[in-house]
Amino acid sequence: MRSKLLIAVGICGLYLGAVSALAGDQVNKASGKFYIVGMGTASDLMTLRAQKVITSADILLAEEGSFEGDWSRFTQGKEVWQWPHNFRRYYGVDPKRLQDPTQRTQAEKLDKSRRDLAEKIGSAVQQGKVVACLEGGDPMMYGMTLFLELLPADLPSEIVPGVGAFQAASAAVKMSPPYGYDTSAVILTMGDWPGRSDTNEKLMALGSSMVFYTMGLDYATVFAQLKRFYPANTPVAVVCNAGDPDRQEVIRSTVGRFLEDVDFRGFPRGRDLLLVGKFLQVGQARKDFLVPHALPGEGRP
């Protein structure tokens, strides 16, 4: 009787062990996750959280060419995927609606490329793998958050913020854009494109401080527009390689003199940021002098 009991207990133990192992395997498979990681504007501006995620990642994903520079040190022992430079082009349009056959073909190809990569990411996460999509600066500023729109809503995901070009460029000029003497707003924008409703001229009419992300920016056109809305002596600055201690450069001028004073054609592609506004000179001085009655929430004397 005793031996039968021991055998039964042993069989039960084996069964529970198998169930436990299976459950553990399911937990491991369920522990996959997709991250979008802000890498900062320089290799030493990564956050501790970003480093932790990259270390834990099985797969690293980035725009083609990104792993050839400073990020190459992160690829050891990792599977590496890349997306093409034009990955976002035609996003949101039904290719069938395009009349031009060349555009339609391009749009169909890119749409398939996006869907295929999203399926690949989803499959990897469901298998328990950690996929980290690396983006320079902060991913919330013109970044590739479209990946989250392409993936299932219930797929485990997280965005790790980074030090963006706006913050790094502001630090480079050592002035805070919200302080503009008689303005408190900062407009972050880029070059105009067909169909856009909040055109830069509409934004310029507000007279606020402006920061231009310069992906393909036509400096000549922008300054022709600025001259119509800002006084000629309004200070401007271009920060190249913001946050990089070895390559950062600040070029200063004014709205009226920029095109004559600055060789903007030599700026590093995609590594320059244009800042416009009185804040570049006045610092934190304000027209209202920040007298007590102008301070919200501080009461009256």
Protein backbone atom coordinates (compact mmCIF):
# COMPACT_ATOMS: atom_id res chain seq x y z
CA MET A 1 0.00 0.00 0.00
CA ARG A 2 2.84 2.29 1.00
CA SER A 3 4.69 1.60 -2.30
CA LYS A 4 1.53 2.33 -4.32
CA LEU A 5 1.14 5.62 -2.47
CA LEU A 6 4.75 6.57 -3.20
CA ILE A 7 4.29 5.72 -6.87
CA ALA A 8 1.13 7.84 -7.01
CA VAL A 9 2.89 10.73 -5.32
CA GLY A 10 5.80 10.37 -7.75
CA ILE A 11 3.53 10.39 -10.78
CA CYS A 12 1.70 13.41 -9.39
CA GLY A 13 5.03 15.16 -8.85
CA LEU A 14 6.08 14.47 -12.42
CA TYR A 15 2.76 15.78 -13.69
CA LEU A 16 2.97 18.93 -11.62
CA GLY A 17 6.56 19.40 -12.73
CA ALA A 18 5.55 19.13 -16.37
CA VAL A 19 2.70 21.56 -15.85
CA SER A 20 5.04 23.95 -14.04
CA ALA A 21 7.61 23.74 -16.85
CA LEU A 22 4.90 24.34 -19.42
CA ALA A 23 3.58 27.31 -17.45
CA GLY A 24 7.09 28.69 -17.12
CA ASP A 25 7.56 28.35 -20.87
CA GLN A 26 4.29 30.21 -21.42
CA VAL A 27 5.43 32.97 -19.05
CA ASN A 28 8.68 33.30 -20.96
CA LYS A 29 6.81 33.48 -24.23
CA ALA A 30 4.46 36.07 -22.80
CA SER A 31 7.36 38.24 -21.59
CA GLY A 32 8.15 39.59 -25.04
CA LYS A 33 7.78 43.31 -25.58
CA PHE A 34 8.24 45.99 -28.22
CA TYR A 35 10.08 49.17 -27.25
CA ILE A 36 10.63 52.44 -29.04
CA VAL A 37 13.78 53.88 -27.50
CA GLY A 38 14.91 57.49 -27.63
CA MET A 39 18.69 57.45 -27.98
CA GLY A 40 19.33 61.14 -27.33
CA THR A 41 21.19 63.39 -29.72
CA ALA A 42 24.61 62.02 -28.74
CA SER A 43 25.86 58.68 -27.45
CA ASP A 44 26.42 60.03 -23.93
CA LEU A 45 22.91 61.49 -23.71
CA MET A 46 21.21 58.11 -23.54
CA THR A 47 19.13 57.54 -20.43
CA LEU A 48 19.81 54.69 -18.01
CA ARG A 49 16.44 53.22 -18.97
CA ALA A 50 17.40 53.22 -22.65
CA GLN A 51 20.63 51.37 -21.87
CA LYS A 52 18.76 48.82 -19.77
CA VAL A 53 16.24 48.12 -22.54
CA ILE A 54 18.96 47.74 -25.18
CA THR A 55 20.89 45.33 -22.96
CA SER A 56 17.78 43.17 -22.48
CA ALA A 57 16.75 43.27 -26.15
CA ASP A 58 17.02 40.26 -28.43
CA ILE A 59 16.43 42.27 -31.59
CA LEU A 60 17.43 45.84 -32.45
CA LEU A 61 15.55 47.79 -35.10
CA ALA A 62 16.54 51.14 -36.65
CA GLU A 63 16.62 53.14 -39.85
CA GLU A 64 19.11 51.84 -42.39
CA GLY A 65 22.63 53.14 -41.78
CA SER A 66 22.04 53.84 -38.09
CA PHE A 67 24.17 50.94 -36.88
CA GLU A 68 27.23 52.02 -38.84
CA GLY A 69 28.24 54.76 -36.37
CA ASP A 70 28.02 55.09 -32.59
CA TRP A 71 25.22 52.53 -32.34
CA SER A 72 27.37 49.71 -33.72
CA ARG A 73 28.58 48.93 -30.19
CA PHE A 74 25.06 47.87 -29.21
CA THR A 75 24.71 45.20 -31.88
CA GLN A 76 27.04 42.57 -30.39
CA GLY A 77 25.08 39.38 -29.90
CA LYS A 78 21.88 40.97 -31.18
CA GLU A 79 19.76 40.30 -34.22
CA VAL A 80 19.57 43.52 -36.24
CA TRP A 81 16.72 44.70 -38.48
CA GLN A 82 16.55 47.94 -40.46
CA TRP A 83 13.86 49.94 -42.24
CA PRO A 84 14.46 52.07 -45.38
CA HIS A 85 14.83 55.87 -45.29
CA ASN A 86 11.53 56.40 -47.12
CA PHE A 87 9.60 54.03 -44.86
CA ARG A 88 6.99 56.66 -43.88
CA ARG A 89 6.28 57.89 -47.41
CA TYR A 90 2.65 57.44 -48.54
CA TYR A 91 1.70 56.31 -45.04
CA GLY A 92 -2.04 56.81 -44.51
CA VAL A 93 -3.00 56.80 -48.19
CA ASP A 94 -4.78 54.02 -50.03
CA PRO A 95 -2.41 53.19 -52.94
CA LYS A 96 -5.44 52.50 -55.16
CA ARG A 97 -6.41 56.17 -54.94
CA LEU A 98 -3.15 57.33 -56.53
CA GLN A 99 -3.57 58.13 -60.20
CA ASP A 100 0.12 58.18 -61.06
CA PRO A 101 1.16 54.54 -61.77
CA THR A 102 4.72 55.12 -60.51
CA GLN A 103 3.49 56.57 -57.24
CA ARG A 104 0.92 53.81 -56.89
CA THR A 105 3.62 51.15 -57.35
CA GLN A 106 5.87 52.84 -54.79
CA ALA A 107 3.02 53.22 -52.31
CA GLU A 108 2.02 49.55 -52.67
CA LYS A 109 5.60 48.43 -52.16
CA LEU A 110 6.06 50.58 -49.05
CA ASP A 111 2.68 49.55 -47.64
CA LYS A 112 3.67 45.90 -47.97
CA SER A 113 7.06 46.62 -46.44
CA ARG A 114 5.44 48.24 -43.39
CA ARG A 115 2.90 45.46 -42.95
CA ASP A 116 5.58 42.77 -43.33
CA LEU A 117 7.85 44.41 -40.74
CA ALA A 118 4.95 44.91 -38.31
CA GLU A 119 4.03 41.24 -38.68
CA LYS A 120 7.66 40.30 -38.09
CA ILE A 121 7.81 42.41 -34.93
CA GLY A 122 4.52 41.02 -33.65
CA SER A 123 5.62 37.45 -34.25
CA ALA A 124 8.91 38.00 -32.41
CA VAL A 125 7.17 39.55 -29.40
CA GLN A 126 4.66 36.71 -29.24
CA GLN A 127 7.60 34.30 -29.16
CA GLY A 128 8.83 36.04 -26.01
CA LYS A 129 11.48 38.23 -27.61
CA VAL A 130 12.24 41.84 -26.76
CA VAL A 131 12.41 44.07 -29.82
CA ALA A 132 13.90 47.55 -29.36
CA CYS A 133 13.40 50.17 -32.07
CA LEU A 134 16.16 52.77 -31.67
CA GLU A 135 15.58 56.39 -32.67
CA GLY A 136 17.88 59.38 -32.39
CA GLY A 137 16.77 62.17 -30.07
CA ASP A 138 13.26 61.75 -28.69
CA PRO A 139 10.89 59.45 -30.61
CA MET A 140 7.89 61.69 -29.90
CA MET A 141 9.25 64.47 -32.13
CA TYR A 142 8.78 63.41 -35.76
CA GLY A 143 9.68 59.87 -34.73
CA MET A 144 8.44 56.49 -35.92
CA THR A 145 5.59 55.91 -33.50
CA LEU A 146 3.66 54.64 -36.52
CA PHE A 147 4.97 51.21 -35.53
CA LEU A 148 2.51 51.23 -32.63
CA GLU A 149 -0.29 52.07 -35.06
CA LEU A 150 0.63 49.10 -37.24
CA LEU A 151 0.92 46.59 -34.39
CA PRO A 152 -2.01 45.01 -32.49
CA ALA A 153 -3.24 47.30 -29.73
CA ASP A 154 -2.84 44.58 -27.09
CA LEU A 155 0.80 43.84 -27.98
CA PRO A 156 3.02 44.71 -24.98
CA SER A 157 4.83 47.94 -25.82
CA GLU A 158 6.53 50.92 -24.26
CA ILE A 159 8.12 54.18 -25.38
CA VAL A 160 11.34 55.19 -23.65
CA PRO A 161 11.74 58.98 -24.03
CA GLY A 162 15.07 60.51 -24.91
CA VAL A 163 16.85 63.86 -24.93
CA GLY A 164 15.50 65.47 -28.10
CA ALA A 165 17.05 67.96 -30.48
CA PHE A 166 14.84 70.76 -29.12
CA GLN A 167 16.17 70.31 -25.59
CA ALA A 168 19.76 69.79 -26.74
CA ALA A 169 19.71 72.84 -29.03
CA SER A 170 18.17 75.02 -26.29
CA ALA A 171 20.96 73.91 -23.98
CA ALA A 172 23.52 74.73 -26.67
CA VAL A 173 22.36 78.37 -26.96
CA LYS A 174 21.97 78.55 -23.16
CA MET A 175 18.61 80.27 -23.47
CA SER A 176 15.10 78.99 -22.68
CA PRO A 177 12.70 79.40 -25.65
CA PRO A 178 9.53 79.98 -23.55
CA TYR A 179 11.00 83.27 -22.32
CA GLY A 180 10.51 85.68 -25.22
CA TYR A 181 9.99 89.00 -23.39
CA ASP A 182 6.37 89.37 -24.46
CA THR A 183 5.70 85.76 -25.56
CA SER A 184 5.49 82.46 -23.71
CA ALA A 185 4.84 79.99 -26.51
CA VAL A 186 7.26 77.97 -28.61
CA ILE A 187 6.20 76.55 -31.97
CA LEU A 188 7.97 73.38 -33.08
CA THR A 189 7.61 72.85 -36.80
CA MET A 190 9.31 71.77 -40.02
CA GLY A 191 9.18 72.67 -43.70
CA ASP A 192 5.78 72.98 -45.38
CA TRP A 193 4.39 70.25 -47.61
CA PRO A 194 1.39 70.05 -49.98
CA GLY A 195 -1.95 69.79 -48.22
CA ARG A 196 -0.71 71.00 -44.86
CA SER A 197 -3.19 73.32 -43.10
CA ASP A 198 -0.98 74.86 -40.40
CA THR A 199 1.49 76.38 -42.84
CA ASN A 200 4.55 78.11 -41.45
CA GLU A 201 3.32 81.53 -42.53
CA LYS A 202 0.17 81.04 -40.42
CA LEU A 203 2.36 80.08 -37.47
CA MET A 204 4.76 82.98 -38.04
CA ALA A 205 1.85 85.43 -37.88
CA LEU A 206 1.55 84.63 -34.17
CA GLY A 207 4.98 86.11 -33.46
CA SER A 208 5.99 83.32 -31.07
CA SER A 209 9.41 81.76 -30.75
CA MET A 210 9.90 79.13 -33.44
CA VAL A 211 12.06 76.03 -33.73
CA PHE A 212 12.42 74.36 -37.12
CA TYR A 213 13.32 70.71 -37.51
CA THR A 214 15.18 70.93 -40.79
CA MET A 215 14.45 67.67 -42.63
CA GLY A 216 14.74 68.95 -46.17
CA LEU A 217 14.10 72.54 -45.03
CA ASP A 218 14.42 75.23 -47.71
CA TYR A 219 16.24 77.93 -45.74
CA ALA A 220 15.83 80.53 -48.48
CA THR A 221 12.05 80.12 -48.53
CA VAL A 222 11.73 80.09 -44.75
CA PHE A 223 13.73 83.29 -44.32
CA ALA A 224 11.82 85.03 -47.08
CA GLN A 225 8.70 84.20 -45.05
CA LEU A 226 10.23 85.19 -41.71
CA LYS A 227 11.12 88.62 -43.06
CA ARG A 228 7.43 89.30 -43.62
CA PHE A 229 6.47 88.58 -40.01
CA TYR A 230 9.49 89.24 -37.78
CA PRO A 231 11.61 92.39 -37.42
CA ALA A 232 14.91 92.20 -39.31
CA ASN A 233 16.87 92.33 -36.05
CA THR A 234 15.12 89.28 -34.59
CA PRO A 235 17.91 86.92 -33.50
CA VAL A 236 18.22 83.44 -34.97
CA ALA A 237 20.57 80.54 -34.30
CA VAL A 238 21.30 77.28 -36.05
CA VAL A 239 22.62 74.50 -33.86
CA CYS A 240 24.45 71.72 -35.69
CA ASN A 241 25.00 68.35 -33.99
CA ALA A 242 23.14 69.49 -30.87
CA GLY A 243 24.37 67.82 -27.70
CA ASP A 244 27.48 66.29 -29.28
CA PRO A 245 30.42 67.58 -27.19
CA ASP A 246 32.90 67.18 -30.04
CA ARG A 247 30.88 68.37 -33.05
CA GLN A 248 28.28 70.79 -31.72
CA GLU A 249 28.33 74.21 -33.38
CA VAL A 250 26.13 77.28 -32.91
CA ILE A 251 25.78 79.77 -35.80
CA ARG A 252 24.10 83.06 -34.89
CA SER A 253 22.59 85.74 -37.08
CA THR A 254 19.33 87.67 -37.52
CA VAL A 255 16.22 87.29 -39.65
CA GLY A 256 17.44 90.11 -41.90
CA ARG A 257 21.06 89.03 -42.28
CA PHE A 258 20.96 85.22 -42.22
CA LEU A 259 20.89 84.52 -45.96
CA GLU A 260 23.80 86.90 -46.52
CA ASP A 261 25.88 85.86 -43.49
CA VAL A 262 25.46 82.09 -43.32
CA ASP A 263 26.46 79.30 -45.70
CA PHE A 264 23.52 77.08 -44.83
CA ARG A 265 24.26 74.68 -47.69
CA GLY A 266 27.15 73.27 -45.68
CA PHE A 267 25.07 72.22 -42.69
CA PRO A 268 25.16 68.51 -41.80
CA ARG A 269 22.06 66.92 -43.31
CA GLY A 270 19.45 66.20 -40.68
CA ARG A 271 21.73 67.38 -37.87
CA ASP A 272 20.79 71.08 -37.79
CA LEU A 273 18.02 72.88 -35.93
CA LEU A 274 16.87 76.46 -36.56
CA LEU A 275 15.79 78.63 -33.60
CA VAL A 276 14.05 81.99 -34.08
CA GLY A 277 12.97 84.50 -31.46
CA LYS A 278 13.72 87.26 -28.99
CA PHE A 279 14.50 84.68 -26.32
CA LEU A 280 17.96 84.27 -27.87
CA GLN A 281 18.86 87.73 -26.54
CA VAL A 282 16.51 88.76 -23.75
CA GLY A 283 16.98 85.66 -21.60
CA GLN A 284 14.35 85.51 -18.86
CA ALA A 285 13.53 89.23 -18.87
CA ARG A 286 9.84 89.77 -19.46
CA LYS A 287 7.64 92.67 -20.51
CA ASP A 288 5.38 92.07 -17.50
CA PHE A 289 8.46 91.91 -15.22
CA LEU A 290 6.84 88.88 -13.54
CA VAL A 291 5.23 91.16 -10.98
CA PRO A 292 3.27 89.30 -8.27
CA HIS A 293 -0.18 89.85 -9.82
CA ALA A 294 1.09 88.26 -13.08
CA LEU A 295 2.20 85.04 -11.43
CA PRO A 296 -0.51 82.36 -11.63
CA GLY A 297 -1.18 80.50 -8.41
CA GLU A 298 1.00 82.67 -6.18
CA GLY A 299 -1.73 84.96 -4.87
CA ARG A 300 -1.53 88.72 -4.43
CA PRO A 301 0.72 90.70 -2.08
